[in-house]
Amino acid sequence: MTVTIAKWTVDEYHRMIAAGILDDRRVELLKGEIVEMSPEGEPHAYFSSEAGEYLTRLLGDRAMIRQSKPITLSNDSEPEPDLAIVQRLGREYLEHHPYPKNIFWLIEYSNSSLDKDLQIKSKIYAEDNIPEYWVVNLKRRQLVVFRDPQHGEYASKSTLTGGTIYPLAFPDVVVSVDSIVSM
């Protein structure tokens, strides 16, 4: 017997949300599949909130930091990254979530979802040419930095445990790795 998985478009996913079908579920759409999201433990919630505030102070009016809000991608995906650093488009976001062209970079905080974030989500983001994607490994207090999307994968991957990093979108901004992984 062959099992066929039903795939959903972003529009169909939005209709399910509007109809209330997914009200009591923590889910996101990844490549047409509705996937359960891992619960946020205290360290995940703390570090992502603190990093969001830190980046807001650091970037000021240059970008908006959206915490755990959807982004809409072209590959039938609507993930909810922990932090999305996006263009400030004001009321335009009443009409749509940020698209890839609006995204400077994304950050995920990972404990139990580490494999999904490092493997599945990195490919989804690279497919849509998100220029930069950071994964914070909460167990090891490491920052994994993905850059240079090519052919559905990131060509560059590095792991940092301290020091500083300069986001591609803002090369004049110095980000303390400690402020992202272990505030």
N, C-alpha and C. Protein backbone atom coordinates (compact mmCIF):
# COMPACT_ATOMS: atom_id res chain seq x y z
N MET A 1 0.84 -1.18 0.00
CA MET A 1 0.00 0.00 0.00
C MET A 1 0.88 1.23 0.00
N THR A 2 0.61 2.15 -0.88
CA THR A 2 1.34 3.41 -0.95
C THR A 2 0.59 4.47 -0.16
N VAL A 3 1.32 5.17 0.68
CA VAL A 3 0.74 6.24 1.48
C VAL A 3 1.03 7.56 0.78
N THR A 4 -0.01 8.33 0.55
CA THR A 4 0.14 9.65 -0.06
C THR A 4 -0.20 10.70 0.98
N ILE A 5 0.72 11.60 1.21
CA ILE A 5 0.51 12.67 2.18
C ILE A 5 -0.19 13.83 1.49
N ALA A 6 -1.25 14.34 2.11
CA ALA A 6 -1.95 15.50 1.57
C ALA A 6 -1.10 16.74 1.83
N LYS A 7 -0.82 17.49 0.80
CA LYS A 7 -0.03 18.72 0.92
C LYS A 7 -0.98 19.91 0.89
N TRP A 8 -0.62 20.96 1.58
CA TRP A 8 -1.45 22.15 1.68
C TRP A 8 -0.70 23.36 1.13
N THR A 9 -1.43 24.26 0.52
CA THR A 9 -0.85 25.53 0.08
C THR A 9 -0.96 26.53 1.22
N VAL A 10 -0.26 27.63 1.09
CA VAL A 10 -0.36 28.68 2.09
C VAL A 10 -1.79 29.22 2.15
N ASP A 11 -2.45 29.38 1.00
CA ASP A 11 -3.83 29.86 1.00
C ASP A 11 -4.76 28.90 1.73
N GLU A 12 -4.61 27.60 1.49
CA GLU A 12 -5.44 26.61 2.19
C GLU A 12 -5.17 26.64 3.70
N TYR A 13 -3.91 26.80 4.07
CA TYR A 13 -3.51 26.89 5.47
C TYR A 13 -4.17 28.11 6.12
N HIS A 14 -4.16 29.24 5.41
CA HIS A 14 -4.80 30.45 5.93
C HIS A 14 -6.30 30.25 6.11
N ARG A 15 -6.93 29.54 5.18
CA ARG A 15 -8.37 29.27 5.31
C ARG A 15 -8.65 28.40 6.54
N MET A 16 -7.77 27.43 6.82
CA MET A 16 -7.94 26.61 8.02
C MET A 16 -7.82 27.46 9.28
N ILE A 17 -6.86 28.38 9.26
CA ILE A 17 -6.69 29.28 10.41
C ILE A 17 -7.93 30.14 10.58
N ALA A 18 -8.41 30.74 9.49
CA ALA A 18 -9.59 31.61 9.54
C ALA A 18 -10.83 30.85 10.01
N ALA A 19 -10.93 29.57 9.65
CA ALA A 19 -12.08 28.76 10.05
C ALA A 19 -11.97 28.26 11.49
N GLY A 20 -10.82 28.48 12.13
CA GLY A 20 -10.65 28.07 13.52
C GLY A 20 -10.23 26.62 13.69
N ILE A 21 -9.93 25.95 12.60
CA ILE A 21 -9.57 24.53 12.67
C ILE A 21 -8.30 24.30 13.48
N LEU A 22 -7.38 25.26 13.43
CA LEU A 22 -6.09 25.08 14.09
C LEU A 22 -5.95 25.89 15.37
N ASP A 23 -7.07 26.40 15.90
CA ASP A 23 -7.03 27.28 17.06
C ASP A 23 -6.29 26.71 18.27
N ASP A 24 -6.49 25.45 18.55
CA ASP A 24 -5.90 24.85 19.75
C ASP A 24 -4.62 24.09 19.46
N ARG A 25 -3.98 24.38 18.35
CA ARG A 25 -2.77 23.65 17.95
C ARG A 25 -1.62 24.64 17.74
N ARG A 26 -0.42 24.27 18.18
CA ARG A 26 0.78 25.04 17.87
C ARG A 26 1.44 24.38 16.68
N VAL A 27 1.15 24.93 15.50
CA VAL A 27 1.63 24.32 14.26
C VAL A 27 2.21 25.37 13.34
N GLU A 28 2.95 24.89 12.35
CA GLU A 28 3.46 25.74 11.28
C GLU A 28 3.42 24.92 10.00
N LEU A 29 3.40 25.61 8.88
CA LEU A 29 3.37 24.95 7.57
C LEU A 29 4.79 24.88 7.02
N LEU A 30 5.26 23.65 6.77
CA LEU A 30 6.61 23.45 6.23
C LEU A 30 6.51 22.58 4.98
N LYS A 31 6.78 23.18 3.84
CA LYS A 31 6.75 22.49 2.55
C LYS A 31 5.43 21.76 2.33
N GLY A 32 4.34 22.44 2.67
CA GLY A 32 3.02 21.90 2.44
C GLY A 32 2.50 20.97 3.51
N GLU A 33 3.29 20.72 4.55
CA GLU A 33 2.87 19.84 5.64
C GLU A 33 2.66 20.65 6.91
N ILE A 34 1.57 20.37 7.61
CA ILE A 34 1.29 21.04 8.87
C ILE A 34 2.03 20.27 9.96
N VAL A 35 2.97 20.95 10.60
CA VAL A 35 3.89 20.31 11.54
C VAL A 35 3.68 20.89 12.94
N GLU A 36 3.60 20.01 13.93
CA GLU A 36 3.49 20.44 15.33
C GLU A 36 4.78 21.15 15.73
N MET A 37 4.63 22.24 16.49
CA MET A 37 5.79 22.96 17.01
C MET A 37 6.10 22.45 18.41
N SER A 38 7.37 22.36 18.74
CA SER A 38 7.79 21.93 20.07
C SER A 38 7.37 22.99 21.09
N PRO A 39 7.00 22.54 22.29
CA PRO A 39 6.68 23.52 23.34
C PRO A 39 7.93 24.30 23.72
N GLU A 40 7.73 25.54 24.13
CA GLU A 40 8.84 26.38 24.55
C GLU A 40 9.10 26.16 26.03
N GLY A 41 10.30 25.70 26.35
CA GLY A 41 10.69 25.61 27.75
C GLY A 41 11.15 26.98 28.24
N GLU A 42 11.42 27.07 29.52
CA GLU A 42 11.81 28.35 30.11
C GLU A 42 13.09 28.92 29.47
N PRO A 43 14.16 28.12 29.29
CA PRO A 43 15.37 28.70 28.67
C PRO A 43 15.10 29.24 27.26
N HIS A 44 14.33 28.50 26.48
CA HIS A 44 13.99 28.93 25.12
C HIS A 44 13.27 30.27 25.16
N ALA A 45 12.25 30.37 25.98
CA ALA A 45 11.47 31.61 26.08
C ALA A 45 12.33 32.75 26.59
N TYR A 46 13.16 32.51 27.59
CA TYR A 46 13.99 33.56 28.17
C TYR A 46 15.01 34.08 27.15
N PHE A 47 15.80 33.17 26.59
CA PHE A 47 16.88 33.60 25.69
C PHE A 47 16.35 34.27 24.43
N SER A 48 15.27 33.74 23.85
CA SER A 48 14.74 34.37 22.63
C SER A 48 14.16 35.74 22.93
N SER A 49 13.50 35.90 24.07
CA SER A 49 12.96 37.22 24.44
C SER A 49 14.07 38.23 24.69
N GLU A 50 15.08 37.81 25.45
CA GLU A 50 16.21 38.71 25.74
C GLU A 50 16.95 39.10 24.46
N ALA A 51 17.17 38.14 23.59
CA ALA A 51 17.86 38.44 22.33
C ALA A 51 17.02 39.38 21.47
N GLY A 52 15.72 39.19 21.47
CA GLY A 52 14.83 40.09 20.72
C GLY A 52 14.95 41.52 21.21
N GLU A 53 14.96 41.70 22.52
CA GLU A 53 15.12 43.05 23.09
C GLU A 53 16.50 43.62 22.76
N TYR A 54 17.53 42.79 22.88
CA TYR A 54 18.89 43.23 22.57
C TYR A 54 18.99 43.70 21.11
N LEU A 55 18.47 42.91 20.18
CA LEU A 55 18.54 43.28 18.77
C LEU A 55 17.69 44.51 18.47
N THR A 56 16.58 44.66 19.15
CA THR A 56 15.75 45.86 18.98
C THR A 56 16.53 47.10 19.38
N ARG A 57 17.22 47.04 20.52
CA ARG A 57 18.04 48.19 20.95
C ARG A 57 19.19 48.43 19.97
N LEU A 58 19.81 47.35 19.51
CA LEU A 58 20.98 47.44 18.64
C LEU A 58 20.63 48.01 17.27
N LEU A 59 19.52 47.56 16.69
CA LEU A 59 19.15 47.96 15.33
C LEU A 59 18.26 49.20 15.27
N GLY A 60 17.62 49.52 16.37
CA GLY A 60 16.77 50.71 16.39
C GLY A 60 15.71 50.67 15.30
N ASP A 61 15.62 51.76 14.54
CA ASP A 61 14.61 51.87 13.48
C ASP A 61 15.02 51.22 12.16
N ARG A 62 16.18 50.61 12.13
CA ARG A 62 16.66 50.01 10.87
C ARG A 62 15.93 48.73 10.50
N ALA A 63 15.34 48.06 11.49
CA ALA A 63 14.65 46.79 11.24
C ALA A 63 13.62 46.57 12.34
N MET A 64 12.69 45.69 12.05
CA MET A 64 11.70 45.26 13.04
C MET A 64 12.07 43.85 13.47
N ILE A 65 11.97 43.58 14.77
CA ILE A 65 12.22 42.25 15.29
C ILE A 65 10.86 41.64 15.61
N ARG A 66 10.49 40.64 14.84
CA ARG A 66 9.20 39.94 15.06
C ARG A 66 9.50 38.65 15.82
N GLN A 67 8.86 38.48 16.95
CA GLN A 67 9.10 37.32 17.80
C GLN A 67 7.98 36.29 17.64
N SER A 68 8.35 35.11 17.18
CA SER A 68 7.42 33.98 17.04
C SER A 68 6.19 34.33 16.22
N LYS A 69 6.42 35.02 15.11
CA LYS A 69 5.34 35.39 14.17
C LYS A 69 5.63 34.74 12.83
N PRO A 70 4.58 34.46 12.06
CA PRO A 70 4.77 33.78 10.77
C PRO A 70 5.50 34.63 9.73
N ILE A 71 6.16 33.93 8.85
CA ILE A 71 6.70 34.50 7.61
C ILE A 71 6.14 33.63 6.48
N THR A 72 5.92 34.22 5.33
CA THR A 72 5.34 33.47 4.22
C THR A 72 6.40 33.25 3.14
N LEU A 73 6.65 31.98 2.82
CA LEU A 73 7.65 31.62 1.83
C LEU A 73 6.97 31.04 0.59
N SER A 74 7.70 31.00 -0.49
CA SER A 74 7.12 30.56 -1.76
C SER A 74 7.00 29.04 -1.88
N ASN A 75 7.67 28.30 -1.00
CA ASN A 75 7.68 26.83 -1.11
C ASN A 75 6.61 26.19 -0.22
N ASP A 76 5.41 26.79 -0.22
CA ASP A 76 4.30 26.32 0.61
C ASP A 76 4.72 26.13 2.06
N SER A 77 5.42 27.15 2.57
CA SER A 77 5.85 27.14 3.96
C SER A 77 5.46 28.44 4.63
N GLU A 78 5.02 28.32 5.85
CA GLU A 78 4.77 29.49 6.68
C GLU A 78 5.24 29.18 8.10
N PRO A 79 6.57 29.14 8.26
CA PRO A 79 7.13 28.86 9.58
C PRO A 79 6.98 30.07 10.50
N GLU A 80 7.23 29.84 11.78
CA GLU A 80 7.18 30.90 12.78
C GLU A 80 8.52 30.92 13.51
N PRO A 81 9.53 31.54 12.91
CA PRO A 81 10.84 31.58 13.57
C PRO A 81 10.77 32.35 14.88
N ASP A 82 11.66 32.00 15.81
CA ASP A 82 11.67 32.68 17.10
C ASP A 82 11.91 34.18 16.92
N LEU A 83 12.84 34.53 16.05
CA LEU A 83 13.10 35.94 15.75
C LEU A 83 13.25 36.10 14.24
N ALA A 84 12.50 37.03 13.71
CA ALA A 84 12.63 37.38 12.29
C ALA A 84 13.01 38.85 12.24
N ILE A 85 14.16 39.14 11.69
CA ILE A 85 14.62 40.51 11.56
C ILE A 85 14.22 40.94 10.15
N VAL A 86 13.25 41.86 10.08
CA VAL A 86 12.60 42.18 8.82
C VAL A 86 12.55 43.68 8.57
N GLN A 87 12.22 44.02 7.33
CA GLN A 87 12.01 45.42 6.97
C GLN A 87 10.84 45.99 7.75
N ARG A 88 10.93 47.26 8.06
CA ARG A 88 9.82 47.97 8.69
C ARG A 88 8.86 48.40 7.59
N LEU A 89 7.76 47.70 7.46
CA LEU A 89 6.78 48.04 6.43
C LEU A 89 5.47 48.55 7.02
N GLY A 90 5.43 48.74 8.32
CA GLY A 90 4.25 49.29 8.96
C GLY A 90 2.99 48.51 8.67
N ARG A 91 1.96 49.24 8.26
CA ARG A 91 0.63 48.66 8.07
C ARG A 91 0.56 47.66 6.91
N GLU A 92 1.59 47.61 6.09
CA GLU A 92 1.60 46.62 5.01
C GLU A 92 1.49 45.20 5.58
N TYR A 93 2.00 45.01 6.81
CA TYR A 93 1.93 43.69 7.42
C TYR A 93 0.51 43.33 7.88
N LEU A 94 -0.44 44.25 7.72
CA LEU A 94 -1.85 43.89 7.92
C LEU A 94 -2.35 43.04 6.76
N GLU A 95 -1.69 43.16 5.61
CA GLU A 95 -2.11 42.44 4.40
C GLU A 95 -1.36 41.14 4.18
N HIS A 96 -0.16 41.02 4.71
CA HIS A 96 0.63 39.80 4.53
C HIS A 96 1.74 39.74 5.57
N HIS A 97 2.16 38.52 5.85
CA HIS A 97 3.33 38.33 6.70
C HIS A 97 4.56 38.68 5.86
N PRO A 98 5.72 38.87 6.49
CA PRO A 98 6.92 39.15 5.70
C PRO A 98 7.21 38.05 4.68
N TYR A 99 7.56 38.49 3.49
CA TYR A 99 7.99 37.60 2.41
C TYR A 99 9.52 37.53 2.44
N PRO A 100 10.13 36.61 1.72
CA PRO A 100 11.60 36.52 1.70
C PRO A 100 12.28 37.85 1.38
N LYS A 101 11.73 38.63 0.47
CA LYS A 101 12.36 39.91 0.11
C LYS A 101 12.33 40.91 1.26
N ASN A 102 11.49 40.68 2.28
CA ASN A 102 11.39 41.57 3.43
C ASN A 102 12.27 41.13 4.59
N ILE A 103 12.91 39.97 4.48
CA ILE A 103 13.63 39.36 5.61
C ILE A 103 15.13 39.62 5.51
N PHE A 104 15.69 40.18 6.59
CA PHE A 104 17.14 40.36 6.67
C PHE A 104 17.81 39.07 7.14
N TRP A 105 17.32 38.53 8.26
CA TRP A 105 17.79 37.22 8.72
C TRP A 105 16.82 36.65 9.74
N LEU A 106 16.98 35.36 10.02
CA LEU A 106 16.10 34.63 10.93
C LEU A 106 16.92 33.96 12.02
N ILE A 107 16.29 33.81 13.20
CA ILE A 107 16.95 33.13 14.32
C ILE A 107 15.98 32.14 14.94
N GLU A 108 16.45 30.91 15.15
CA GLU A 108 15.70 29.89 15.86
C GLU A 108 16.47 29.50 17.12
N TYR A 109 15.75 29.33 18.21
CA TYR A 109 16.32 28.81 19.45
C TYR A 109 15.91 27.35 19.55
N SER A 110 16.88 26.46 19.72
CA SER A 110 16.59 25.03 19.61
C SER A 110 17.09 24.25 20.80
N ASN A 111 16.20 23.41 21.27
CA ASN A 111 16.54 22.42 22.28
C ASN A 111 16.09 21.08 21.72
N SER A 112 14.81 20.78 21.85
CA SER A 112 14.29 19.52 21.32
C SER A 112 14.09 19.56 19.80
N SER A 113 14.05 20.76 19.20
CA SER A 113 13.82 20.89 17.75
C SER A 113 15.11 21.10 16.96
N LEU A 114 16.25 20.79 17.56
CA LEU A 114 17.53 21.09 16.92
C LEU A 114 17.69 20.45 15.54
N ASP A 115 17.37 19.17 15.41
CA ASP A 115 17.51 18.51 14.11
C ASP A 115 16.62 19.16 13.06
N LYS A 116 15.38 19.46 13.41
CA LYS A 116 14.45 20.10 12.47
C LYS A 116 14.99 21.47 12.04
N ASP A 117 15.51 22.24 13.00
CA ASP A 117 15.99 23.58 12.69
C ASP A 117 17.27 23.56 11.86
N LEU A 118 18.18 22.64 12.17
CA LEU A 118 19.45 22.57 11.44
C LEU A 118 19.30 21.94 10.06
N GLN A 119 18.39 21.00 9.90
CA GLN A 119 18.30 20.28 8.63
C GLN A 119 17.11 20.72 7.79
N ILE A 120 15.92 20.58 8.30
CA ILE A 120 14.72 20.87 7.50
C ILE A 120 14.55 22.36 7.27
N LYS A 121 14.56 23.14 8.35
CA LYS A 121 14.32 24.58 8.19
C LYS A 121 15.46 25.27 7.44
N SER A 122 16.68 24.84 7.63
CA SER A 122 17.77 25.48 6.90
C SER A 122 17.57 25.32 5.39
N LYS A 123 17.10 24.17 4.97
CA LYS A 123 16.85 23.96 3.53
C LYS A 123 15.66 24.79 3.05
N ILE A 124 14.61 24.85 3.84
CA ILE A 124 13.44 25.64 3.47
C ILE A 124 13.83 27.11 3.31
N TYR A 125 14.62 27.63 4.23
CA TYR A 125 15.03 29.03 4.15
C TYR A 125 16.00 29.26 2.99
N ALA A 126 16.91 28.33 2.78
CA ALA A 126 17.86 28.47 1.67
C ALA A 126 17.15 28.42 0.32
N GLU A 127 16.12 27.57 0.20
CA GLU A 127 15.36 27.48 -1.05
C GLU A 127 14.77 28.82 -1.45
N ASP A 128 14.40 29.62 -0.45
CA ASP A 128 13.80 30.93 -0.72
C ASP A 128 14.81 32.06 -0.60
N ASN A 129 16.09 31.69 -0.59
CA ASN A 129 17.19 32.66 -0.59
C ASN A 129 17.17 33.64 0.57
N ILE A 130 16.79 33.15 1.76
CA ILE A 130 16.95 33.97 2.96
C ILE A 130 18.46 34.08 3.17
N PRO A 131 19.00 35.29 3.14
CA PRO A 131 20.47 35.44 3.10
C PRO A 131 21.21 34.91 4.32
N GLU A 132 20.53 34.90 5.47
CA GLU A 132 21.23 34.52 6.69
C GLU A 132 20.25 33.88 7.66
N TYR A 133 20.70 32.81 8.32
CA TYR A 133 19.86 32.06 9.25
C TYR A 133 20.74 31.62 10.41
N TRP A 134 20.32 31.94 11.63
CA TRP A 134 21.06 31.57 12.83
C TRP A 134 20.25 30.58 13.64
N VAL A 135 20.93 29.55 14.15
CA VAL A 135 20.30 28.59 15.06
C VAL A 135 21.10 28.61 16.36
N VAL A 136 20.40 28.84 17.46
CA VAL A 136 21.04 28.80 18.77
C VAL A 136 20.79 27.42 19.37
N ASN A 137 21.88 26.68 19.55
CA ASN A 137 21.82 25.37 20.20
C ASN A 137 21.84 25.63 21.70
N LEU A 138 20.68 25.52 22.33
CA LEU A 138 20.56 25.84 23.75
C LEU A 138 21.33 24.87 24.64
N LYS A 139 21.47 23.62 24.22
CA LYS A 139 22.18 22.64 25.04
C LYS A 139 23.66 22.96 25.13
N ARG A 140 24.23 23.42 24.01
CA ARG A 140 25.68 23.67 23.97
C ARG A 140 26.03 25.16 24.02
N ARG A 141 25.01 26.02 24.05
CA ARG A 141 25.21 27.47 24.03
C ARG A 141 26.11 27.88 22.85
N GLN A 142 25.69 27.40 21.67
CA GLN A 142 26.42 27.70 20.44
C GLN A 142 25.50 28.42 19.46
N LEU A 143 26.10 29.25 18.64
CA LEU A 143 25.37 29.91 17.56
C LEU A 143 25.86 29.31 16.24
N VAL A 144 24.94 28.67 15.52
CA VAL A 144 25.25 28.10 14.22
C VAL A 144 24.76 29.10 13.17
N VAL A 145 25.66 29.56 12.33
CA VAL A 145 25.36 30.61 11.36
C VAL A 145 25.39 30.03 9.95
N PHE A 146 24.24 30.15 9.27
CA PHE A 146 24.12 29.72 7.88
C PHE A 146 24.09 30.96 7.00
N ARG A 147 24.89 30.93 5.92
CA ARG A 147 24.93 32.05 4.97
C ARG A 147 25.13 31.52 3.55
N ASP A 148 24.89 32.40 2.61
CA ASP A 148 25.16 32.13 1.20
C ASP A 148 24.29 30.99 0.64
N PRO A 149 22.96 31.24 0.54
CA PRO A 149 22.09 30.19 -0.02
C PRO A 149 22.39 29.93 -1.49
N GLN A 150 22.55 28.66 -1.83
CA GLN A 150 22.81 28.25 -3.21
C GLN A 150 22.14 26.92 -3.46
N HIS A 151 21.29 26.87 -4.47
CA HIS A 151 20.66 25.62 -4.90
C HIS A 151 19.94 24.90 -3.76
N GLY A 152 19.22 25.66 -2.93
CA GLY A 152 18.42 25.05 -1.87
C GLY A 152 19.17 24.65 -0.62
N GLU A 153 20.42 25.06 -0.50
CA GLU A 153 21.20 24.80 0.70
C GLU A 153 22.10 25.99 0.97
N TYR A 154 22.54 26.11 2.21
CA TYR A 154 23.48 27.17 2.55
C TYR A 154 24.90 26.68 2.29
N ALA A 155 25.67 27.47 1.55
CA ALA A 155 27.04 27.09 1.22
C ALA A 155 27.99 27.31 2.39
N SER A 156 27.60 28.20 3.31
CA SER A 156 28.46 28.51 4.44
C SER A 156 27.74 28.19 5.75
N LYS A 157 28.45 27.46 6.61
CA LYS A 157 27.93 27.14 7.94
C LYS A 157 29.08 27.24 8.92
N SER A 158 28.91 28.03 9.97
CA SER A 158 29.94 28.14 10.99
C SER A 158 29.30 28.10 12.37
N THR A 159 30.08 27.69 13.35
CA THR A 159 29.59 27.58 14.72
C THR A 159 30.42 28.50 15.61
N LEU A 160 29.73 29.35 16.36
CA LEU A 160 30.40 30.31 17.24
C LEU A 160 29.99 30.06 18.69
N THR A 161 30.93 30.23 19.60
CA THR A 161 30.64 30.09 21.03
C THR A 161 30.90 31.39 21.79
N GLY A 162 31.40 32.38 21.10
CA GLY A 162 31.68 33.67 21.73
C GLY A 162 32.13 34.65 20.66
N GLY A 163 32.57 35.81 21.11
CA GLY A 163 33.05 36.82 20.18
C GLY A 163 31.92 37.67 19.63
N THR A 164 32.12 38.13 18.39
CA THR A 164 31.14 39.00 17.75
C THR A 164 30.85 38.50 16.35
N ILE A 165 29.73 38.97 15.82
CA ILE A 165 29.33 38.65 14.46
C ILE A 165 28.71 39.90 13.85
N TYR A 166 28.91 40.05 12.56
CA TYR A 166 28.37 41.19 11.82
C TYR A 166 27.29 40.66 10.86
N PRO A 167 26.02 40.97 11.09
CA PRO A 167 24.99 40.48 10.18
C PRO A 167 25.22 40.98 8.76
N LEU A 168 24.95 40.14 7.79
CA LEU A 168 25.16 40.52 6.40
C LEU A 168 24.39 41.77 6.00
N ALA A 169 23.18 41.90 6.50
CA ALA A 169 22.33 43.04 6.13
C ALA A 169 22.80 44.34 6.76
N PHE A 170 23.54 44.23 7.86
CA PHE A 170 24.02 45.41 8.59
C PHE A 170 25.48 45.21 8.97
N PRO A 171 26.38 45.29 8.00
CA PRO A 171 27.79 44.98 8.27
C PRO A 171 28.46 45.94 9.25
N ASP A 172 27.82 47.07 9.54
CA ASP A 172 28.37 48.02 10.50
C ASP A 172 27.89 47.75 11.93
N VAL A 173 27.03 46.77 12.10
CA VAL A 173 26.47 46.45 13.42
C VAL A 173 27.23 45.27 14.01
N VAL A 174 27.72 45.47 15.22
CA VAL A 174 28.47 44.43 15.93
C VAL A 174 27.50 43.73 16.90
N VAL A 175 27.29 42.43 16.69
CA VAL A 175 26.41 41.65 17.55
C VAL A 175 27.27 40.77 18.43
N SER A 176 27.07 40.87 19.73
CA SER A 176 27.77 40.02 20.68
C SER A 176 27.13 38.63 20.66
N VAL A 177 27.93 37.62 20.38
CA VAL A 177 27.42 36.25 20.36
C VAL A 177 26.88 35.87 21.74
N ASP A 178 27.55 36.29 22.80
CA ASP A 178 27.07 36.00 24.15
C ASP A 178 25.69 36.58 24.39
N SER A 179 25.39 37.72 23.81
CA SER A 179 24.07 38.34 23.97
C SER A 179 22.99 37.58 23.24
N ILE A 180 23.36 36.75 22.30
CA ILE A 180 22.39 35.94 21.56
C ILE A 180 22.23 34.56 22.20
N VAL A 181 23.34 33.98 22.70
CA VAL A 181 23.27 32.60 23.19
C VAL A 181 23.20 32.43 24.69
N SER A 182 23.60 33.44 25.47
CA SER A 182 23.66 33.18 26.92
C SER A 182 23.50 34.44 27.77
N MET A 183 22.57 35.28 27.42
CA MET A 183 22.39 36.53 28.18
C MET A 183 22.18 36.27 29.65
